[in-house]
Amino acid sequence: MIPLLLETGQQDKYDHIIIVDVSIDTQIRRVMQRDDSSEAHARQILKSQADREQRLAIADSVIDNSGSIEALQPQVQAIHQLLLQRSGSATG
């Protein structure tokens, strides 16, 4: 995982970019909870990073992280199978 992939211009080094996406409101709420910080502080952190549209624009695959942990598993499995097929592997 490279949190600042786009900001550091490294996106062209990779064959397949997977973005874990969530709404901006959810990002702000999660940063506030994680850091025990204010909304203004959370917005400042997000402002220093590539915005959601920029990240989605470079994505080859997107994982929607707005639901439960259980909702992530089928998304990850689908991307895993796609990558296995591309690599020529039969199973993972």
PDB file of N, CA and C in Angstrom:
ATOM      1  N   MET A   1       0.836  -1.176   0.000  1.00  0.00           N
ATOM      2  CA  MET A   1       0.000   0.000   0.000  1.00  0.00           C
ATOM      3  C   MET A   1       0.883   1.243   0.000  1.00  0.00           C
ATOM      4  N   ILE A   2       0.586   2.137  -0.879  1.00  0.00           N
ATOM      5  CA  ILE A   2       1.339   3.384  -0.946  1.00  0.00           C
ATOM      6  C   ILE A   2       0.344   4.534  -0.772  1.00  0.00           C
ATOM      7  N   PRO A   3       0.220   5.067   0.443  1.00  0.00           N
ATOM      8  CA  PRO A   3      -0.778   6.100   0.699  1.00  0.00           C
ATOM      9  C   PRO A   3      -0.631   7.330  -0.185  1.00  0.00           C
ATOM     10  N   LEU A   4       0.568   7.682  -0.559  1.00  0.00           N
ATOM     11  CA  LEU A   4       0.792   8.893  -1.352  1.00  0.00           C
ATOM     12  C   LEU A   4       1.264   8.552  -2.764  1.00  0.00           C
ATOM     13  N   LEU A   5       0.729   7.498  -3.325  1.00  0.00           N
ATOM     14  CA  LEU A   5       1.118   7.033  -4.659  1.00  0.00           C
ATOM     15  C   LEU A   5       0.996   8.142  -5.696  1.00  0.00           C
ATOM     16  N   LEU A   6      -0.144   8.752  -5.781  1.00  0.00           N
ATOM     17  CA  LEU A   6      -0.375   9.796  -6.776  1.00  0.00           C
ATOM     18  C   LEU A   6       0.433  11.051  -6.465  1.00  0.00           C
ATOM     19  N   GLU A   7       0.476  11.420  -5.194  1.00  0.00           N
ATOM     20  CA  GLU A   7       1.183  12.634  -4.800  1.00  0.00           C
ATOM     21  C   GLU A   7       2.676  12.560  -5.090  1.00  0.00           C
ATOM     22  N   THR A   8       3.231  11.351  -5.058  1.00  0.00           N
ATOM     23  CA  THR A   8       4.665  11.181  -5.314  1.00  0.00           C
ATOM     24  C   THR A   8       4.957  10.775  -6.755  1.00  0.00           C
ATOM     25  N   GLY A   9       3.917  10.711  -7.599  1.00  0.00           N
ATOM     26  CA  GLY A   9       4.095  10.417  -9.014  1.00  0.00           C
ATOM     27  C   GLY A   9       4.541   9.001  -9.323  1.00  0.00           C
ATOM     28  N   GLN A  10       4.206   8.050  -8.462  1.00  0.00           N
ATOM     29  CA  GLN A  10       4.654   6.677  -8.647  1.00  0.00           C
ATOM     30  C   GLN A  10       3.648   5.779  -9.358  1.00  0.00           C
ATOM     31  N   GLN A  11       2.494   6.303  -9.738  1.00  0.00           N
ATOM     32  CA  GLN A  11       1.448   5.461 -10.295  1.00  0.00           C
ATOM     33  C   GLN A  11       1.847   4.741 -11.588  1.00  0.00           C
ATOM     34  N   ASP A  12       2.774   5.280 -12.335  1.00  0.00           N
ATOM     35  CA  ASP A  12       3.191   4.649 -13.582  1.00  0.00           C
ATOM     36  C   ASP A  12       4.125   3.462 -13.379  1.00  0.00           C
ATOM     37  N   LYS A  13       4.552   3.238 -12.157  1.00  0.00           N
ATOM     38  CA  LYS A  13       5.452   2.121 -11.852  1.00  0.00           C
ATOM     39  C   LYS A  13       4.712   0.797 -11.683  1.00  0.00           C
ATOM     40  N   TYR A  14       3.381   0.828 -11.695  1.00  0.00           N
ATOM     41  CA  TYR A  14       2.602  -0.360 -11.347  1.00  0.00           C
ATOM     42  C   TYR A  14       1.668  -0.765 -12.480  1.00  0.00           C
ATOM     43  N   ASP A  15       1.465  -2.071 -12.608  1.00  0.00           N
ATOM     44  CA  ASP A  15       0.606  -2.621 -13.653  1.00  0.00           C
ATOM     45  C   ASP A  15      -0.873  -2.522 -13.309  1.00  0.00           C
ATOM     46  N   HIS A  16      -1.185  -2.556 -12.024  1.00  0.00           N
ATOM     47  CA  HIS A  16      -2.581  -2.563 -11.607  1.00  0.00           C
ATOM     48  C   HIS A  16      -2.688  -1.822 -10.281  1.00  0.00           C
ATOM     49  N   ILE A  17      -3.513  -0.802 -10.258  1.00  0.00           N
ATOM     50  CA  ILE A  17      -3.685  -0.001  -9.049  1.00  0.00           C
ATOM     51  C   ILE A  17      -5.068  -0.260  -8.473  1.00  0.00           C
ATOM     52  N   ILE A  18      -5.083  -0.635  -7.202  1.00  0.00           N
ATOM     53  CA  ILE A  18      -6.328  -0.894  -6.489  1.00  0.00           C
ATOM     54  C   ILE A  18      -6.533   0.240  -5.489  1.00  0.00           C
ATOM     55  N   ILE A  19      -7.671   0.886  -5.594  1.00  0.00           N
ATOM     56  CA  ILE A  19      -8.010   1.978  -4.694  1.00  0.00           C
ATOM     57  C   ILE A  19      -9.096   1.492  -3.741  1.00  0.00           C
ATOM     58  N   VAL A  20      -8.915   1.745  -2.464  1.00  0.00           N
ATOM     59  CA  VAL A  20      -9.956   1.489  -1.474  1.00  0.00           C
ATOM     60  C   VAL A  20     -10.676   2.817  -1.280  1.00  0.00           C
ATOM     61  N   ASP A  21     -11.956   2.837  -1.626  1.00  0.00           N
ATOM     62  CA  ASP A  21     -12.696   4.093  -1.703  1.00  0.00           C
ATOM     63  C   ASP A  21     -13.814   4.154  -0.675  1.00  0.00           C
ATOM     64  N   VAL A  22     -14.074   5.378  -0.235  1.00  0.00           N
ATOM     65  CA  VAL A  22     -15.172   5.672   0.673  1.00  0.00           C
ATOM     66  C   VAL A  22     -15.519   7.150   0.475  1.00  0.00           C
ATOM     67  N   SER A  23     -16.724   7.532   0.831  1.00  0.00           N
ATOM     68  CA  SER A  23     -17.132   8.927   0.656  1.00  0.00           C
ATOM     69  C   SER A  23     -16.265   9.863   1.490  1.00  0.00           C
ATOM     70  N   ILE A  24     -16.244  11.107   1.100  1.00  0.00           N
ATOM     71  CA  ILE A  24     -15.453  12.103   1.820  1.00  0.00           C
ATOM     72  C   ILE A  24     -15.980  12.266   3.243  1.00  0.00           C
ATOM     73  N   ASP A  25     -17.301  12.263   3.408  1.00  0.00           N
ATOM     74  CA  ASP A  25     -17.860  12.382   4.754  1.00  0.00           C
ATOM     75  C   ASP A  25     -17.388  11.241   5.650  1.00  0.00           C
ATOM     76  N   THR A  26     -17.350  10.037   5.102  1.00  0.00           N
ATOM     77  CA  THR A  26     -16.883   8.889   5.874  1.00  0.00           C
ATOM     78  C   THR A  26     -15.398   9.014   6.166  1.00  0.00           C
ATOM     79  N   GLN A  27     -14.622   9.488   5.193  1.00  0.00           N
ATOM     80  CA  GLN A  27     -13.188   9.705   5.429  1.00  0.00           C
ATOM     81  C   GLN A  27     -12.981  10.663   6.593  1.00  0.00           C
ATOM     82  N   ILE A  28     -13.709  11.759   6.575  1.00  0.00           N
ATOM     83  CA  ILE A  28     -13.568  12.764   7.634  1.00  0.00           C
ATOM     84  C   ILE A  28     -13.936  12.161   8.986  1.00  0.00           C
ATOM     85  N   ARG A  29     -15.054  11.468   9.042  1.00  0.00           N
ATOM     86  CA  ARG A  29     -15.497  10.856  10.296  1.00  0.00           C
ATOM     87  C   ARG A  29     -14.460   9.868  10.814  1.00  0.00           C
ATOM     88  N   ARG A  30     -13.908   9.047   9.924  1.00  0.00           N
ATOM     89  CA  ARG A  30     -12.923   8.044  10.342  1.00  0.00           C
ATOM     90  C   ARG A  30     -11.619   8.676  10.811  1.00  0.00           C
ATOM     91  N   VAL A  31     -11.185   9.737  10.142  1.00  0.00           N
ATOM     92  CA  VAL A  31      -9.972  10.431  10.586  1.00  0.00           C
ATOM     93  C   VAL A  31     -10.202  11.051  11.961  1.00  0.00           C
ATOM     94  N   MET A  32     -11.371  11.659  12.147  1.00  0.00           N
ATOM     95  CA  MET A  32     -11.683  12.258  13.442  1.00  0.00           C
ATOM     96  C   MET A  32     -11.672  11.201  14.549  1.00  0.00           C
ATOM     97  N   GLN A  33     -12.247  10.044  14.275  1.00  0.00           N
ATOM     98  CA  GLN A  33     -12.263   8.962  15.262  1.00  0.00           C
ATOM     99  C   GLN A  33     -10.862   8.416  15.505  1.00  0.00           C
ATOM    100  N   ARG A  34     -10.126   8.186  14.424  1.00  0.00           N
ATOM    101  CA  ARG A  34      -8.786   7.608  14.543  1.00  0.00           C
ATOM    102  C   ARG A  34      -7.843   8.506  15.331  1.00  0.00           C
ATOM    103  N   ASP A  35      -7.878   9.794  15.019  1.00  0.00           N
ATOM    104  CA  ASP A  35      -6.934  10.743  15.612  1.00  0.00           C
ATOM    105  C   ASP A  35      -7.509  11.498  16.806  1.00  0.00           C
ATOM    106  N   ASP A  36      -8.784  11.268  17.108  1.00  0.00           N
ATOM    107  CA  ASP A  36      -9.464  12.029  18.151  1.00  0.00           C
ATOM    108  C   ASP A  36      -9.266  13.520  17.885  1.00  0.00           C
ATOM    109  N   SER A  37      -9.596  13.920  16.636  1.00  0.00           N
ATOM    110  CA  SER A  37      -9.334  15.289  16.212  1.00  0.00           C
ATOM    111  C   SER A  37     -10.618  15.974  15.767  1.00  0.00           C
ATOM    112  N   SER A  38     -10.474  17.234  15.460  1.00  0.00           N
ATOM    113  CA  SER A  38     -11.610  18.033  15.006  1.00  0.00           C
ATOM    114  C   SER A  38     -11.869  17.794  13.523  1.00  0.00           C
ATOM    115  N   GLU A  39     -13.028  18.221  13.085  1.00  0.00           N
ATOM    116  CA  GLU A  39     -13.357  18.126  11.658  1.00  0.00           C
ATOM    117  C   GLU A  39     -12.399  18.977  10.837  1.00  0.00           C
ATOM    118  N   ALA A  40     -12.053  20.143  11.328  1.00  0.00           N
ATOM    119  CA  ALA A  40     -11.119  21.025  10.611  1.00  0.00           C
ATOM    120  C   ALA A  40      -9.769  20.342  10.422  1.00  0.00           C
ATOM    121  N   HIS A  41      -9.296  19.668  11.461  1.00  0.00           N
ATOM    122  CA  HIS A  41      -8.021  18.957  11.358  1.00  0.00           C
ATOM    123  C   HIS A  41      -8.122  17.813  10.346  1.00  0.00           C
ATOM    124  N   ALA A  42      -9.211  17.082  10.393  1.00  0.00           N
ATOM    125  CA  ALA A  42      -9.404  15.976   9.455  1.00  0.00           C
ATOM    126  C   ALA A  42      -9.442  16.494   8.018  1.00  0.00           C
ATOM    127  N   ARG A  43     -10.143  17.587   7.805  1.00  0.00           N
ATOM    128  CA  ARG A  43     -10.213  18.169   6.453  1.00  0.00           C
ATOM    129  C   ARG A  43      -8.829  18.630   5.983  1.00  0.00           C
ATOM    130  N   GLN A  44      -8.035  19.162   6.886  1.00  0.00           N
ATOM    131  CA  GLN A  44      -6.674  19.600   6.541  1.00  0.00           C
ATOM    132  C   GLN A  44      -5.821  18.418   6.112  1.00  0.00           C
ATOM    133  N   ILE A  45      -5.942  17.301   6.819  1.00  0.00           N
ATOM    134  CA  ILE A  45      -5.200  16.090   6.452  1.00  0.00           C
ATOM    135  C   ILE A  45      -5.599  15.637   5.059  1.00  0.00           C
ATOM    136  N   LEU A  46      -6.902  15.571   4.801  1.00  0.00           N
ATOM    137  CA  LEU A  46      -7.373  15.114   3.490  1.00  0.00           C
ATOM    138  C   LEU A  46      -7.013  16.094   2.383  1.00  0.00           C
ATOM    139  N   LYS A  47      -6.977  17.371   2.708  1.00  0.00           N
ATOM    140  CA  LYS A  47      -6.621  18.389   1.714  1.00  0.00           C
ATOM    141  C   LYS A  47      -5.178  18.228   1.233  1.00  0.00           C
ATOM    142  N   SER A  48      -4.322  17.663   2.080  1.00  0.00           N
ATOM    143  CA  SER A  48      -2.910  17.498   1.714  1.00  0.00           C
ATOM    144  C   SER A  48      -2.689  16.282   0.808  1.00  0.00           C
ATOM    145  N   GLN A  49      -3.737  15.499   0.601  1.00  0.00           N
ATOM    146  CA  GLN A  49      -3.644  14.288  -0.215  1.00  0.00           C
ATOM    147  C   GLN A  49      -4.389  14.491  -1.530  1.00  0.00           C
ATOM    148  N   ALA A  50      -4.133  13.594  -2.479  1.00  0.00           N
ATOM    149  CA  ALA A  50      -4.901  13.614  -3.724  1.00  0.00           C
ATOM    150  C   ALA A  50      -6.371  13.452  -3.376  1.00  0.00           C
ATOM    151  N   ASP A  51      -7.236  14.145  -4.120  1.00  0.00           N
ATOM    152  CA  ASP A  51      -8.653  14.026  -3.795  1.00  0.00           C
ATOM    153  C   ASP A  51      -9.246  12.734  -4.365  1.00  0.00           C
ATOM    154  N   ARG A  52     -10.446  12.463  -3.953  1.00  0.00           N
ATOM    155  CA  ARG A  52     -11.102  11.204  -4.315  1.00  0.00           C
ATOM    156  C   ARG A  52     -11.174  11.022  -5.833  1.00  0.00           C
ATOM    157  N   GLU A  53     -11.534  12.054  -6.550  1.00  0.00           N
ATOM    158  CA  GLU A  53     -11.655  11.959  -8.005  1.00  0.00           C
ATOM    159  C   GLU A  53     -10.308  11.632  -8.654  1.00  0.00           C
ATOM    160  N   GLN A  54      -9.254  12.228  -8.161  1.00  0.00           N
ATOM    161  CA  GLN A  54      -7.918  11.944  -8.697  1.00  0.00           C
ATOM    162  C   GLN A  54      -7.525  10.493  -8.448  1.00  0.00           C
ATOM    163  N   ARG A  55      -7.802  10.001  -7.244  1.00  0.00           N
ATOM    164  CA  ARG A  55      -7.473   8.603  -6.932  1.00  0.00           C
ATOM    165  C   ARG A  55      -8.286   7.645  -7.803  1.00  0.00           C
ATOM    166  N   LEU A  56      -9.576   7.922  -7.938  1.00  0.00           N
ATOM    167  CA  LEU A  56     -10.417   7.040  -8.741  1.00  0.00           C
ATOM    168  C   LEU A  56     -10.007   7.059 -10.218  1.00  0.00           C
ATOM    169  N   ALA A  57      -9.497   8.186 -10.679  1.00  0.00           N
ATOM    170  CA  ALA A  57      -9.086   8.307 -12.080  1.00  0.00           C
ATOM    171  C   ALA A  57      -7.908   7.400 -12.424  1.00  0.00           C
ATOM    172  N   ILE A  58      -7.051   7.077 -11.451  1.00  0.00           N
ATOM    173  CA  ILE A  58      -5.905   6.218 -11.737  1.00  0.00           C
ATOM    174  C   ILE A  58      -6.163   4.754 -11.392  1.00  0.00           C
ATOM    175  N   ALA A  59      -7.341   4.480 -10.847  1.00  0.00           N
ATOM    176  CA  ALA A  59      -7.643   3.122 -10.370  1.00  0.00           C
ATOM    177  C   ALA A  59      -7.941   2.171 -11.511  1.00  0.00           C
ATOM    178  N   ASP A  60      -7.367   0.982 -11.402  1.00  0.00           N
ATOM    179  CA  ASP A  60      -7.752  -0.115 -12.282  1.00  0.00           C
ATOM    180  C   ASP A  60      -8.871  -0.927 -11.634  1.00  0.00           C
ATOM    181  N   SER A  61      -8.859  -0.975 -10.319  1.00  0.00           N
ATOM    182  CA  SER A  61      -9.897  -1.649  -9.541  1.00  0.00           C
ATOM    183  C   SER A  61     -10.207  -0.789  -8.324  1.00  0.00           C
ATOM    184  N   VAL A  62     -11.480  -0.833  -7.902  1.00  0.00           N
ATOM    185  CA  VAL A  62     -11.906  -0.048  -6.746  1.00  0.00           C
ATOM    186  C   VAL A  62     -12.607  -0.964  -5.756  1.00  0.00           C
ATOM    187  N   ILE A  63     -12.207  -0.862  -4.506  1.00  0.00           N
ATOM    188  CA  ILE A  63     -12.866  -1.574  -3.418  1.00  0.00           C
ATOM    189  C   ILE A  63     -13.673  -0.544  -2.634  1.00  0.00           C
ATOM    190  N   ASP A  64     -14.969  -0.787  -2.525  1.00  0.00           N
ATOM    191  CA  ASP A  64     -15.858   0.107  -1.781  1.00  0.00           C
ATOM    192  C   ASP A  64     -15.781  -0.256  -0.301  1.00  0.00           C
ATOM    193  N   ASN A  65     -15.251   0.657   0.504  1.00  0.00           N
ATOM    194  CA  ASN A  65     -15.041   0.420   1.926  1.00  0.00           C
ATOM    195  C   ASN A  65     -16.095   1.125   2.785  1.00  0.00           C
ATOM    196  N   SER A  66     -17.292   1.331   2.232  1.00  0.00           N
ATOM    197  CA  SER A  66     -18.314   2.046   2.993  1.00  0.00           C
ATOM    198  C   SER A  66     -19.173   1.116   3.842  1.00  0.00           C
ATOM    199  N   GLY A  67     -19.037  -0.185   3.627  1.00  0.00           N
ATOM    200  CA  GLY A  67     -19.857  -1.135   4.371  1.00  0.00           C
ATOM    201  C   GLY A  67     -19.078  -1.855   5.446  1.00  0.00           C
ATOM    202  N   SER A  68     -19.525  -3.051   5.707  1.00  0.00           N
ATOM    203  CA  SER A  68     -18.916  -3.871   6.761  1.00  0.00           C
ATOM    204  C   SER A  68     -17.645  -4.547   6.261  1.00  0.00           C
ATOM    205  N   ILE A  69     -16.904  -5.083   7.202  1.00  0.00           N
ATOM    206  CA  ILE A  69     -15.704  -5.868   6.870  1.00  0.00           C
ATOM    207  C   ILE A  69     -16.115  -7.043   5.977  1.00  0.00           C
ATOM    208  N   GLU A  70     -17.241  -7.647   6.288  1.00  0.00           N
ATOM    209  CA  GLU A  70     -17.713  -8.795   5.505  1.00  0.00           C
ATOM    210  C   GLU A  70     -17.989  -8.410   4.051  1.00  0.00           C
ATOM    211  N   ALA A  71     -18.384  -7.174   3.812  1.00  0.00           N
ATOM    212  CA  ALA A  71     -18.654  -6.707   2.450  1.00  0.00           C
ATOM    213  C   ALA A  71     -17.381  -6.546   1.633  1.00  0.00           C
ATOM    214  N   LEU A  72     -16.250  -6.453   2.296  1.00  0.00           N
ATOM    215  CA  LEU A  72     -14.980  -6.305   1.586  1.00  0.00           C
ATOM    216  C   LEU A  72     -14.522  -7.618   0.956  1.00  0.00           C
ATOM    217  N   GLN A  73     -14.793  -8.715   1.616  1.00  0.00           N
ATOM    218  CA  GLN A  73     -14.258 -10.009   1.177  1.00  0.00           C
ATOM    219  C   GLN A  73     -14.605 -10.364  -0.272  1.00  0.00           C
ATOM    220  N   PRO A  74     -15.873 -10.270  -0.701  1.00  0.00           N
ATOM    221  CA  PRO A  74     -16.152 -10.623  -2.095  1.00  0.00           C
ATOM    222  C   PRO A  74     -15.492  -9.677  -3.100  1.00  0.00           C
ATOM    223  N   GLN A  75     -15.343  -8.427  -2.725  1.00  0.00           N
ATOM    224  CA  GLN A  75     -14.674  -7.470  -3.612  1.00  0.00           C
ATOM    225  C   GLN A  75     -13.197  -7.826  -3.773  1.00  0.00           C
ATOM    226  N   VAL A  76     -12.567  -8.126  -2.658  1.00  0.00           N
ATOM    227  CA  VAL A  76     -11.148  -8.489  -2.686  1.00  0.00           C
ATOM    228  C   VAL A  76     -10.966  -9.794  -3.454  1.00  0.00           C
ATOM    229  N   GLN A  77     -11.845 -10.749  -3.233  1.00  0.00           N
ATOM    230  CA  GLN A  77     -11.745 -12.031  -3.933  1.00  0.00           C
ATOM    231  C   GLN A  77     -11.904 -11.850  -5.442  1.00  0.00           C
ATOM    232  N   ALA A  78     -12.820 -10.991  -5.855  1.00  0.00           N
ATOM    233  CA  ALA A  78     -13.026 -10.756  -7.291  1.00  0.00           C
ATOM    234  C   ALA A  78     -11.772 -10.141  -7.926  1.00  0.00           C
ATOM    235  N   ILE A  79     -11.177  -9.184  -7.258  1.00  0.00           N
ATOM    236  CA  ILE A  79      -9.950  -8.567  -7.779  1.00  0.00           C
ATOM    237  C   ILE A  79      -8.806  -9.579  -7.767  1.00  0.00           C
ATOM    238  N   HIS A  80      -8.732 -10.374  -6.735  1.00  0.00           N
ATOM    239  CA  HIS A  80      -7.707 -11.407  -6.658  1.00  0.00           C
ATOM    240  C   HIS A  80      -7.826 -12.374  -7.833  1.00  0.00           C
ATOM    241  N   GLN A  81      -9.035 -12.812  -8.133  1.00  0.00           N
ATOM    242  CA  GLN A  81      -9.239 -13.724  -9.264  1.00  0.00           C
ATOM    243  C   GLN A  81      -8.858 -13.054 -10.588  1.00  0.00           C
ATOM    244  N   LEU A  82      -9.217 -11.809 -10.745  1.00  0.00           N
ATOM    245  CA  LEU A  82      -8.855 -11.058 -11.950  1.00  0.00           C
ATOM    246  C   LEU A  82      -7.343 -11.016 -12.121  1.00  0.00           C
ATOM    247  N   LEU A  83      -6.643 -10.730 -11.048  1.00  0.00           N
ATOM    248  CA  LEU A  83      -5.186 -10.624 -11.113  1.00  0.00           C
ATOM    249  C   LEU A  83      -4.554 -11.991 -11.356  1.00  0.00           C
ATOM    250  N   LEU A  84      -5.134 -13.036 -10.773  1.00  0.00           N
ATOM    251  CA  LEU A  84      -4.629 -14.395 -11.049  1.00  0.00           C
ATOM    252  C   LEU A  84      -4.806 -14.739 -12.522  1.00  0.00           C
ATOM    253  N   GLN A  85      -5.963 -14.400 -13.085  1.00  0.00           N
ATOM    254  CA  GLN A  85      -6.198 -14.673 -14.507  1.00  0.00           C
ATOM    255  C   GLN A  85      -5.197 -13.920 -15.376  1.00  0.00           C
ATOM    256  N   ARG A  86      -4.957 -12.680 -15.041  1.00  0.00           N
ATOM    257  CA  ARG A  86      -4.004 -11.888 -15.815  1.00  0.00           C
ATOM    258  C   ARG A  86      -2.583 -12.429 -15.727  1.00  0.00           C
ATOM    259  N   SER A  87      -2.258 -13.022 -14.581  1.00  0.00           N
ATOM    260  CA  SER A  87      -0.908 -13.530 -14.399  1.00  0.00           C
ATOM    261  C   SER A  87      -0.733 -14.940 -14.966  1.00  0.00           C
ATOM    262  N   GLY A  88      -1.864 -15.561 -15.336  1.00  0.00           N
ATOM    263  CA  GLY A  88      -1.806 -16.915 -15.881  1.00  0.00           C
ATOM    264  C   GLY A  88      -1.912 -17.988 -14.833  1.00  0.00           C
ATOM    265  N   SER A  89      -2.127 -17.626 -13.577  1.00  0.00           N
ATOM    266  CA  SER A  89      -2.300 -18.614 -12.510  1.00  0.00           C
ATOM    267  C   SER A  89      -3.713 -19.157 -12.559  1.00  0.00           C
ATOM    268  N   ALA A  90      -3.864 -20.424 -12.297  1.00  0.00           N
ATOM    269  CA  ALA A  90      -5.186 -21.062 -12.334  1.00  0.00           C
ATOM    270  C   ALA A  90      -5.986 -20.773 -11.078  1.00  0.00           C
ATOM    271  N   THR A  91      -5.344 -20.863  -9.902  1.00  0.00           N
ATOM    272  CA  THR A  91      -6.036 -20.630  -8.630  1.00  0.00           C
ATOM    273  C   THR A  91      -5.100 -19.907  -7.688  1.00  0.00           C
ATOM    274  N   GLY A  92      -5.654 -19.391  -6.623  1.00  0.00           N
ATOM    275  CA  GLY A  92      -4.843 -18.683  -5.664  1.00  0.00           C
ATOM    276  C   GLY A  92      -4.874 -19.357  -4.378  1.00  0.00           C
TER     277      GLY A  92
END
